[in-house]
Amino acid sequence: RIDITRLNVDTSTDEKGNFSVFGEARIRAVGFKESD
């Protein structure tokens, strides 16, 4: 499962009208050794 842990949007723009988005996520998985 992938969880988005943080997503921030800075709506201030540069001279071209671009703005920035910052995000963080984590992935969690449960597995096993199939050989076992």
PDB file of all heavy atoms in Angstrom:
ATOM      1  N   ARG A   1       0.852  -1.196   0.000  1.00  0.00           N
ATOM      2  CA  ARG A   1       0.000   0.000   0.000  1.00  0.00           C
ATOM      3  C   ARG A   1       0.885   1.242   0.000  1.00  0.00           C
ATOM      4  O   ARG A   1       1.882   1.308   0.716  1.00  0.00           O
ATOM      5  CB  ARG A   1      -0.905  -0.009   1.224  1.00  0.00           C
ATOM      6  CG  ARG A   1      -1.822   1.200   1.307  1.00  0.00           C
ATOM      7  CD  ARG A   1      -2.834   1.062   2.397  1.00  0.00           C
ATOM      8  NE  ARG A   1      -2.213   1.407   3.666  1.00  0.00           N
ATOM      9  CZ  ARG A   1      -2.810   1.229   4.833  1.00  0.00           C
ATOM     10  NH1 ARG A   1      -4.000   0.674   4.909  1.00  0.00           N
ATOM     11  NH2 ARG A   1      -2.211   1.585   5.949  1.00  0.00           N
ATOM     12  N   ILE A   2       0.490   2.208  -0.804  1.00  0.00           N
ATOM     13  CA  ILE A   2       1.177   3.496  -0.849  1.00  0.00           C
ATOM     14  C   ILE A   2       0.261   4.531  -0.210  1.00  0.00           C
ATOM     15  O   ILE A   2      -0.900   4.665  -0.600  1.00  0.00           O
ATOM     16  CB  ILE A   2       1.527   3.900  -2.294  1.00  0.00           C
ATOM     17  CG1 ILE A   2       2.504   2.885  -2.901  1.00  0.00           C
ATOM     18  CG2 ILE A   2       2.095   5.307  -2.333  1.00  0.00           C
ATOM     19  CD1 ILE A   2       2.819   3.120  -4.364  1.00  0.00           C
ATOM     20  N   ASP A   3       0.790   5.234   0.786  1.00  0.00           N
ATOM     21  CA  ASP A   3       0.050   6.299   1.460  1.00  0.00           C
ATOM     22  C   ASP A   3       0.725   7.627   1.169  1.00  0.00           C
ATOM     23  O   ASP A   3       1.940   7.762   1.324  1.00  0.00           O
ATOM     24  CB  ASP A   3       0.029   6.074   2.975  1.00  0.00           C
ATOM     25  CG  ASP A   3      -0.689   4.793   3.373  1.00  0.00           C
ATOM     26  OD1 ASP A   3      -1.779   4.539   2.833  1.00  0.00           O
ATOM     27  OD2 ASP A   3      -0.147   4.048   4.215  1.00  0.00           O
ATOM     28  N   ILE A   4      -0.066   8.611   0.763  1.00  0.00           N
ATOM     29  CA  ILE A   4       0.429   9.975   0.595  1.00  0.00           C
ATOM     30  C   ILE A   4       0.404  10.599   1.993  1.00  0.00           C
ATOM     31  O   ILE A   4      -0.655  10.746   2.595  1.00  0.00           O
ATOM     32  CB  ILE A   4      -0.446  10.792  -0.380  1.00  0.00           C
ATOM     33  CG1 ILE A   4      -0.600  10.059  -1.724  1.00  0.00           C
ATOM     34  CG2 ILE A   4       0.113  12.189  -0.545  1.00  0.00           C
ATOM     35  CD1 ILE A   4       0.674   9.823  -2.478  1.00  0.00           C
ATOM     36  N   THR A   5       1.560  10.923   2.526  1.00  0.00           N
ATOM     37  CA  THR A   5       1.638  11.422   3.904  1.00  0.00           C
ATOM     38  C   THR A   5       1.631  12.942   3.981  1.00  0.00           C
ATOM     39  O   THR A   5       1.266  13.501   5.013  1.00  0.00           O
ATOM     40  CB  THR A   5       2.906  10.883   4.599  1.00  0.00           C
ATOM     41  OG1 THR A   5       4.048  11.273   3.836  1.00  0.00           O
ATOM     42  CG2 THR A   5       2.856   9.372   4.728  1.00  0.00           C
ATOM     43  N   ARG A   6       2.024  13.608   2.911  1.00  0.00           N
ATOM     44  CA  ARG A   6       2.028  15.066   2.920  1.00  0.00           C
ATOM     45  C   ARG A   6       1.927  15.576   1.492  1.00  0.00           C
ATOM     46  O   ARG A   6       2.589  15.057   0.591  1.00  0.00           O
ATOM     47  CB  ARG A   6       3.320  15.558   3.555  1.00  0.00           C
ATOM     48  CG  ARG A   6       3.303  17.029   3.890  1.00  0.00           C
ATOM     49  CD  ARG A   6       4.386  17.312   4.879  1.00  0.00           C
ATOM     50  NE  ARG A   6       5.320  18.261   4.288  1.00  0.00           N
ATOM     51  CZ  ARG A   6       6.460  18.581   4.835  1.00  0.00           C
ATOM     52  NH1 ARG A   6       6.848  18.013   5.946  1.00  0.00           N
ATOM     53  NH2 ARG A   6       7.242  19.465   4.270  1.00  0.00           N
ATOM     54  N   LEU A   7       1.085  16.580   1.307  1.00  0.00           N
ATOM     55  CA  LEU A   7       0.914  17.183  -0.008  1.00  0.00           C
ATOM     56  C   LEU A   7       0.622  18.671   0.205  1.00  0.00           C
ATOM     57  O   LEU A   7      -0.446  19.041   0.669  1.00  0.00           O
ATOM     58  CB  LEU A   7      -0.239  16.502  -0.749  1.00  0.00           C
ATOM     59  CG  LEU A   7      -0.285  16.579  -2.248  1.00  0.00           C
ATOM     60  CD1 LEU A   7       0.998  16.039  -2.871  1.00  0.00           C
ATOM     61  CD2 LEU A   7      -1.454  15.785  -2.793  1.00  0.00           C
ATOM     62  N   ASN A   8       1.598  19.526  -0.088  1.00  0.00           N
ATOM     63  CA  ASN A   8       1.469  20.971   0.107  1.00  0.00           C
ATOM     64  C   ASN A   8       1.555  21.682  -1.230  1.00  0.00           C
ATOM     65  O   ASN A   8       2.431  21.375  -2.041  1.00  0.00           O
ATOM     66  CB  ASN A   8       2.580  21.504   1.020  1.00  0.00           C
ATOM     67  CG  ASN A   8       2.507  20.915   2.407  1.00  0.00           C
ATOM     68  OD1 ASN A   8       1.439  20.552   2.887  1.00  0.00           O
ATOM     69  ND2 ASN A   8       3.648  20.803   3.055  1.00  0.00           N
ATOM     70  N   VAL A   9       0.678  22.646  -1.421  1.00  0.00           N
ATOM     71  CA  VAL A   9       0.686  23.448  -2.634  1.00  0.00           C
ATOM     72  C   VAL A   9       1.024  24.883  -2.245  1.00  0.00           C
ATOM     73  O   VAL A   9       0.382  25.467  -1.371  1.00  0.00           O
ATOM     74  CB  VAL A   9      -0.687  23.409  -3.337  1.00  0.00           C
ATOM     75  CG1 VAL A   9      -0.668  24.274  -4.591  1.00  0.00           C
ATOM     76  CG2 VAL A   9      -1.072  21.980  -3.682  1.00  0.00           C
ATOM     77  N   ASP A  10       2.060  25.426  -2.865  1.00  0.00           N
ATOM     78  CA  ASP A  10       2.415  26.832  -2.670  1.00  0.00           C
ATOM     79  C   ASP A  10       1.861  27.577  -3.883  1.00  0.00           C
ATOM     80  O   ASP A  10       2.377  27.444  -4.992  1.00  0.00           O
ATOM     81  CB  ASP A  10       3.935  26.981  -2.580  1.00  0.00           C
ATOM     82  CG  ASP A  10       4.368  28.409  -2.364  1.00  0.00           C
ATOM     83  OD1 ASP A  10       3.492  29.308  -2.297  1.00  0.00           O
ATOM     84  OD2 ASP A  10       5.588  28.648  -2.272  1.00  0.00           O
ATOM     85  N   THR A  11       0.802  28.344  -3.684  1.00  0.00           N
ATOM     86  CA  THR A  11       0.121  28.994  -4.808  1.00  0.00           C
ATOM     87  C   THR A  11       0.786  30.282  -5.272  1.00  0.00           C
ATOM     88  O   THR A  11       0.329  30.887  -6.227  1.00  0.00           O
ATOM     89  CB  THR A  11      -1.357  29.269  -4.448  1.00  0.00           C
ATOM     90  OG1 THR A  11      -1.412  30.068  -3.268  1.00  0.00           O
ATOM     91  CG2 THR A  11      -2.121  27.976  -4.257  1.00  0.00           C
ATOM     92  N   SER A  12       1.853  30.717  -4.604  1.00  0.00           N
ATOM     93  CA  SER A  12       2.569  31.891  -5.119  1.00  0.00           C
ATOM     94  C   SER A  12       3.269  31.478  -6.417  1.00  0.00           C
ATOM     95  O   SER A  12       3.798  30.385  -6.536  1.00  0.00           O
ATOM     96  CB  SER A  12       3.564  32.424  -4.097  1.00  0.00           C
ATOM     97  OG  SER A  12       4.511  31.441  -3.764  1.00  0.00           O
ATOM     98  N   THR A  13       3.227  32.355  -7.375  1.00  0.00           N
ATOM     99  CA  THR A  13       3.736  32.012  -8.707  1.00  0.00           C
ATOM    100  C   THR A  13       4.993  32.796  -9.047  1.00  0.00           C
ATOM    101  O   THR A  13       5.254  33.860  -8.491  1.00  0.00           O
ATOM    102  CB  THR A  13       2.657  32.312  -9.780  1.00  0.00           C
ATOM    103  OG1 THR A  13       2.302  33.684  -9.701  1.00  0.00           O
ATOM    104  CG2 THR A  13       1.438  31.443  -9.581  1.00  0.00           C
ATOM    105  N   ASP A  14       5.745  32.241  -9.981  1.00  0.00           N
ATOM    106  CA  ASP A  14       6.920  32.957 -10.486  1.00  0.00           C
ATOM    107  C   ASP A  14       6.484  33.858 -11.650  1.00  0.00           C
ATOM    108  O   ASP A  14       5.292  33.982 -11.934  1.00  0.00           O
ATOM    109  CB  ASP A  14       8.031  31.977 -10.874  1.00  0.00           C
ATOM    110  CG  ASP A  14       7.657  31.041 -12.017  1.00  0.00           C
ATOM    111  OD1 ASP A  14       6.615  31.276 -12.684  1.00  0.00           O
ATOM    112  OD2 ASP A  14       8.395  30.060 -12.259  1.00  0.00           O
ATOM    113  N   GLU A  15       7.452  34.442 -12.331  1.00  0.00           N
ATOM    114  CA  GLU A  15       7.128  35.366 -13.436  1.00  0.00           C
ATOM    115  C   GLU A  15       6.414  34.676 -14.597  1.00  0.00           C
ATOM    116  O   GLU A  15       5.750  35.322 -15.395  1.00  0.00           O
ATOM    117  CB  GLU A  15       8.404  36.087 -13.923  1.00  0.00           C
ATOM    118  CG  GLU A  15       9.476  35.211 -14.532  1.00  0.00           C
ATOM    119  CD  GLU A  15      10.365  34.506 -13.506  1.00  0.00           C
ATOM    120  OE1 GLU A  15      10.313  34.820 -12.305  1.00  0.00           O
ATOM    121  OE2 GLU A  15      11.108  33.601 -13.916  1.00  0.00           O
ATOM    122  N   LYS A  16       6.536  33.368 -14.686  1.00  0.00           N
ATOM    123  CA  LYS A  16       5.862  32.632 -15.766  1.00  0.00           C
ATOM    124  C   LYS A  16       4.519  32.055 -15.324  1.00  0.00           C
ATOM    125  O   LYS A  16       3.853  31.383 -16.090  1.00  0.00           O
ATOM    126  CB  LYS A  16       6.759  31.490 -16.250  1.00  0.00           C
ATOM    127  CG  LYS A  16       8.021  31.964 -16.928  1.00  0.00           C
ATOM    128  CD  LYS A  16       8.849  30.780 -17.402  1.00  0.00           C
ATOM    129  CE  LYS A  16      10.139  31.258 -18.035  1.00  0.00           C
ATOM    130  NZ  LYS A  16      10.999  30.136 -18.426  1.00  0.00           N
ATOM    131  N   GLY A  17       4.155  32.264 -14.073  1.00  0.00           N
ATOM    132  CA  GLY A  17       2.874  31.760 -13.576  1.00  0.00           C
ATOM    133  C   GLY A  17       2.951  30.352 -13.009  1.00  0.00           C
ATOM    134  O   GLY A  17       1.928  29.731 -12.730  1.00  0.00           O
ATOM    135  N   ASN A  18       4.152  29.829 -12.836  1.00  0.00           N
ATOM    136  CA  ASN A  18       4.321  28.492 -12.278  1.00  0.00           C
ATOM    137  C   ASN A  18       4.237  28.533 -10.755  1.00  0.00           C
ATOM    138  O   ASN A  18       4.697  29.480 -10.132  1.00  0.00           O
ATOM    139  CB  ASN A  18       5.676  27.913 -12.686  1.00  0.00           C
ATOM    140  CG  ASN A  18       5.789  27.729 -14.174  1.00  0.00           C
ATOM    141  OD1 ASN A  18       4.867  27.293 -14.836  1.00  0.00           O
ATOM    142  ND2 ASN A  18       6.941  28.081 -14.725  1.00  0.00           N
ATOM    143  N   PHE A  19       3.670  27.501 -10.198  1.00  0.00           N
ATOM    144  CA  PHE A  19       3.610  27.359  -8.746  1.00  0.00           C
ATOM    145  C   PHE A  19       4.139  25.984  -8.381  1.00  0.00           C
ATOM    146  O   PHE A  19       4.373  25.157  -9.254  1.00  0.00           O
ATOM    147  CB  PHE A  19       2.181  27.580  -8.220  1.00  0.00           C
ATOM    148  CG  PHE A  19       1.170  26.596  -8.725  1.00  0.00           C
ATOM    149  CD1 PHE A  19       0.789  25.510  -7.942  1.00  0.00           C
ATOM    150  CD2 PHE A  19       0.580  26.758  -9.975  1.00  0.00           C
ATOM    151  CE1 PHE A  19      -0.136  24.595  -8.404  1.00  0.00           C
ATOM    152  CE2 PHE A  19      -0.354  25.843 -10.435  1.00  0.00           C
ATOM    153  CZ  PHE A  19      -0.723  24.763  -9.651  1.00  0.00           C
ATOM    154  N   SER A  20       4.353  25.725  -7.095  1.00  0.00           N
ATOM    155  CA  SER A  20       5.006  24.477  -6.711  1.00  0.00           C
ATOM    156  C   SER A  20       4.105  23.608  -5.831  1.00  0.00           C
ATOM    157  O   SER A  20       3.228  24.106  -5.119  1.00  0.00           O
ATOM    158  CB  SER A  20       6.325  24.747  -5.991  1.00  0.00           C
ATOM    159  OG  SER A  20       6.089  25.486  -4.819  1.00  0.00           O
ATOM    160  N   VAL A  21       4.367  22.300  -5.936  1.00  0.00           N
ATOM    161  CA  VAL A  21       3.672  21.300  -5.126  1.00  0.00           C
ATOM    162  C   VAL A  21       4.743  20.416  -4.510  1.00  0.00           C
ATOM    163  O   VAL A  21       5.668  19.980  -5.200  1.00  0.00           O
ATOM    164  CB  VAL A  21       2.713  20.430  -5.977  1.00  0.00           C
ATOM    165  CG1 VAL A  21       2.005  19.408  -5.117  1.00  0.00           C
ATOM    166  CG2 VAL A  21       1.723  21.298  -6.722  1.00  0.00           C
ATOM    167  N   PHE A  22       4.628  20.185  -3.212  1.00  0.00           N
ATOM    168  CA  PHE A  22       5.570  19.321  -2.498  1.00  0.00           C
ATOM    169  C   PHE A  22       4.797  18.154  -1.917  1.00  0.00           C
ATOM    170  O   PHE A  22       3.734  18.340  -1.332  1.00  0.00           O
ATOM    171  CB  PHE A  22       6.267  20.100  -1.372  1.00  0.00           C
ATOM    172  CG  PHE A  22       7.149  19.237  -0.520  1.00  0.00           C
ATOM    173  CD1 PHE A  22       8.407  18.858  -0.948  1.00  0.00           C
ATOM    174  CD2 PHE A  22       6.700  18.762   0.703  1.00  0.00           C
ATOM    175  CE1 PHE A  22       9.219  18.040  -0.175  1.00  0.00           C
ATOM    176  CE2 PHE A  22       7.496  17.954   1.488  1.00  0.00           C
ATOM    177  CZ  PHE A  22       8.760  17.593   1.053  1.00  0.00           C
ATOM    178  N   GLY A  23       5.330  16.952  -2.086  1.00  0.00           N
ATOM    179  CA  GLY A  23       4.638  15.787  -1.549  1.00  0.00           C
ATOM    180  C   GLY A  23       5.578  14.767  -0.971  1.00  0.00           C
ATOM    181  O   GLY A  23       6.752  14.699  -1.347  1.00  0.00           O
ATOM    182  N   GLU A  24       5.061  14.001  -0.033  1.00  0.00           N
ATOM    183  CA  GLU A  24       5.780  12.870   0.555  1.00  0.00           C
ATOM    184  C   GLU A  24       4.829  11.682   0.588  1.00  0.00           C
ATOM    185  O   GLU A  24       3.622  11.849   0.762  1.00  0.00           O
ATOM    186  CB  GLU A  24       6.223  13.183   1.985  1.00  0.00           C
ATOM    187  CG  GLU A  24       7.287  14.246   2.091  1.00  0.00           C
ATOM    188  CD  GLU A  24       7.676  14.543   3.535  1.00  0.00           C
ATOM    189  OE1 GLU A  24       7.056  13.983   4.466  1.00  0.00           O
ATOM    190  OE2 GLU A  24       8.599  15.348   3.723  1.00  0.00           O
ATOM    191  N   ALA A  25       5.400  10.511   0.453  1.00  0.00           N
ATOM    192  CA  ALA A  25       4.602   9.286   0.488  1.00  0.00           C
ATOM    193  C   ALA A  25       5.429   8.175   1.087  1.00  0.00           C
ATOM    194  O   ALA A  25       6.653   8.275   1.182  1.00  0.00           O
ATOM    195  CB  ALA A  25       4.143   8.913  -0.921  1.00  0.00           C
ATOM    196  N   ARG A  26       4.764   7.115   1.499  1.00  0.00           N
ATOM    197  CA  ARG A  26       5.475   5.932   1.987  1.00  0.00           C
ATOM    198  C   ARG A  26       4.789   4.696   1.415  1.00  0.00           C
ATOM    199  O   ARG A  26       3.592   4.710   1.117  1.00  0.00           O
ATOM    200  CB  ARG A  26       5.498   5.880   3.510  1.00  0.00           C
ATOM    201  CG  ARG A  26       4.187   5.486   4.122  1.00  0.00           C
ATOM    202  CD  ARG A  26       4.312   5.307   5.607  1.00  0.00           C
ATOM    203  NE  ARG A  26       2.976   5.085   6.136  1.00  0.00           N
ATOM    204  CZ  ARG A  26       2.673   5.131   7.386  1.00  0.00           C
ATOM    205  NH1 ARG A  26       3.596   5.391   8.274  1.00  0.00           N
ATOM    206  NH2 ARG A  26       1.452   4.915   7.788  1.00  0.00           N
ATOM    207  N   ILE A  27       5.576   3.683   1.273  1.00  0.00           N
ATOM    208  CA  ILE A  27       5.052   2.405   0.793  1.00  0.00           C
ATOM    209  C   ILE A  27       5.272   1.375   1.889  1.00  0.00           C
ATOM    210  O   ILE A  27       6.306   1.372   2.560  1.00  0.00           O
ATOM    211  CB  ILE A  27       5.716   1.966  -0.537  1.00  0.00           C
ATOM    212  CG1 ILE A  27       5.024   0.734  -1.111  1.00  0.00           C
ATOM    213  CG2 ILE A  27       7.202   1.745  -0.358  1.00  0.00           C
ATOM    214  CD1 ILE A  27       5.396   0.435  -2.541  1.00  0.00           C
ATOM    215  N   ARG A  28       4.268   0.555   2.085  1.00  0.00           N
ATOM    216  CA  ARG A  28       4.381  -0.533   3.050  1.00  0.00           C
ATOM    217  C   ARG A  28       3.972  -1.818   2.340  1.00  0.00           C
ATOM    218  O   ARG A  28       3.049  -1.824   1.529  1.00  0.00           O
ATOM    219  CB  ARG A  28       3.470  -0.292   4.260  1.00  0.00           C
ATOM    220  CG  ARG A  28       3.902   0.911   5.062  1.00  0.00           C
ATOM    221  CD  ARG A  28       3.187   1.023   6.371  1.00  0.00           C
ATOM    222  NE  ARG A  28       1.823   1.475   6.175  1.00  0.00           N
ATOM    223  CZ  ARG A  28       0.953   1.585   7.163  1.00  0.00           C
ATOM    224  NH1 ARG A  28       1.269   1.244   8.386  1.00  0.00           N
ATOM    225  NH2 ARG A  28      -0.261   2.025   6.928  1.00  0.00           N
ATOM    226  N   ALA A  29       4.669  -2.879   2.671  1.00  0.00           N
ATOM    227  CA  ALA A  29       4.379  -4.175   2.060  1.00  0.00           C
ATOM    228  C   ALA A  29       4.650  -5.272   3.072  1.00  0.00           C
ATOM    229  O   ALA A  29       5.516  -5.143   3.935  1.00  0.00           O
ATOM    230  CB  ALA A  29       5.241  -4.382   0.814  1.00  0.00           C
ATOM    231  N   VAL A  30       3.873  -6.332   2.954  1.00  0.00           N
ATOM    232  CA  VAL A  30       4.078  -7.514   3.781  1.00  0.00           C
ATOM    233  C   VAL A  30       4.336  -8.665   2.816  1.00  0.00           C
ATOM    234  O   VAL A  30       3.562  -8.903   1.890  1.00  0.00           O
ATOM    235  CB  VAL A  30       2.851  -7.816   4.667  1.00  0.00           C
ATOM    236  CG1 VAL A  30       3.082  -9.064   5.496  1.00  0.00           C
ATOM    237  CG2 VAL A  30       2.521  -6.626   5.563  1.00  0.00           C
ATOM    238  N   GLY A  31       5.443  -9.353   3.032  1.00  0.00           N
ATOM    239  CA  GLY A  31       5.797 -10.450   2.144  1.00  0.00           C
ATOM    240  C   GLY A  31       6.329 -11.633   2.921  1.00  0.00           C
ATOM    241  O   GLY A  31       6.396 -11.606   4.152  1.00  0.00           O
ATOM    242  N   PHE A  32       6.691 -12.647   2.203  1.00  0.00           N
ATOM    243  CA  PHE A  32       7.222 -13.872   2.797  1.00  0.00           C
ATOM    244  C   PHE A  32       8.144 -14.532   1.791  1.00  0.00           C
ATOM    245  O   PHE A  32       8.115 -14.213   0.601  1.00  0.00           O
ATOM    246  CB  PHE A  32       6.089 -14.822   3.196  1.00  0.00           C
ATOM    247  CG  PHE A  32       5.207 -15.229   2.037  1.00  0.00           C
ATOM    248  CD1 PHE A  32       5.461 -16.406   1.339  1.00  0.00           C
ATOM    249  CD2 PHE A  32       4.145 -14.433   1.638  1.00  0.00           C
ATOM    250  CE1 PHE A  32       4.665 -16.781   0.270  1.00  0.00           C
ATOM    251  CE2 PHE A  32       3.337 -14.808   0.567  1.00  0.00           C
ATOM    252  CZ  PHE A  32       3.594 -15.975  -0.113  1.00  0.00           C
ATOM    253  N   LYS A  33       8.962 -15.426   2.305  1.00  0.00           N
ATOM    254  CA  LYS A  33       9.833 -16.186   1.419  1.00  0.00           C
ATOM    255  C   LYS A  33       9.033 -17.369   0.876  1.00  0.00           C
ATOM    256  O   LYS A  33       8.649 -18.259   1.622  1.00  0.00           O
ATOM    257  CB  LYS A  33      11.068 -16.682   2.164  1.00  0.00           C
ATOM    258  CG  LYS A  33      12.044 -15.596   2.501  1.00  0.00           C
ATOM    259  CD  LYS A  33      13.298 -16.177   3.126  1.00  0.00           C
ATOM    260  CE  LYS A  33      14.304 -15.099   3.409  1.00  0.00           C
ATOM    261  NZ  LYS A  33      15.515 -15.651   4.041  1.00  0.00           N
ATOM    262  N   GLU A  34       8.808 -17.352  -0.412  1.00  0.00           N
ATOM    263  CA  GLU A  34       8.046 -18.433  -1.030  1.00  0.00           C
ATOM    264  C   GLU A  34       8.798 -19.755  -0.905  1.00  0.00           C
ATOM    265  O   GLU A  34       8.185 -20.815  -0.819  1.00  0.00           O
ATOM    266  CB  GLU A  34       7.745 -18.108  -2.493  1.00  0.00           C
ATOM    267  CG  GLU A  34       6.658 -18.996  -3.073  1.00  0.00           C
ATOM    268  CD  GLU A  34       6.208 -18.537  -4.439  1.00  0.00           C
ATOM    269  OE1 GLU A  34       7.058 -18.406  -5.345  1.00  0.00           O
ATOM    270  OE2 GLU A  34       5.002 -18.322  -4.604  1.00  0.00           O
ATOM    271  N   SER A  35      10.123 -19.697  -0.824  1.00  0.00           N
ATOM    272  CA  SER A  35      10.911 -20.924  -0.655  1.00  0.00           C
ATOM    273  C   SER A  35      10.579 -21.588   0.690  1.00  0.00           C
ATOM    274  O   SER A  35      10.567 -22.816   0.783  1.00  0.00           O
ATOM    275  CB  SER A  35      12.404 -20.630  -0.755  1.00  0.00           C
ATOM    276  OG  SER A  35      12.796 -19.717   0.249  1.00  0.00           O
ATOM    277  N   ASP A  36      10.293 -20.780   1.726  1.00  0.00           N
ATOM    278  CA  ASP A  36       9.887 -21.344   3.014  1.00  0.00           C
ATOM    279  C   ASP A  36       8.541 -22.053   2.899  1.00  0.00           C
ATOM    280  O   ASP A  36       8.337 -23.118   3.476  1.00  0.00           O
ATOM    281  CB  ASP A  36       9.800 -20.251   4.089  1.00  0.00           C
ATOM    282  CG  ASP A  36      11.156 -19.707   4.484  1.00  0.00           C
ATOM    283  OD1 ASP A  36      12.187 -20.339   4.138  1.00  0.00           O
ATOM    284  OD2 ASP A  36      11.190 -18.648   5.130  1.00  0.00           O
TER     285      ASP A  36
END
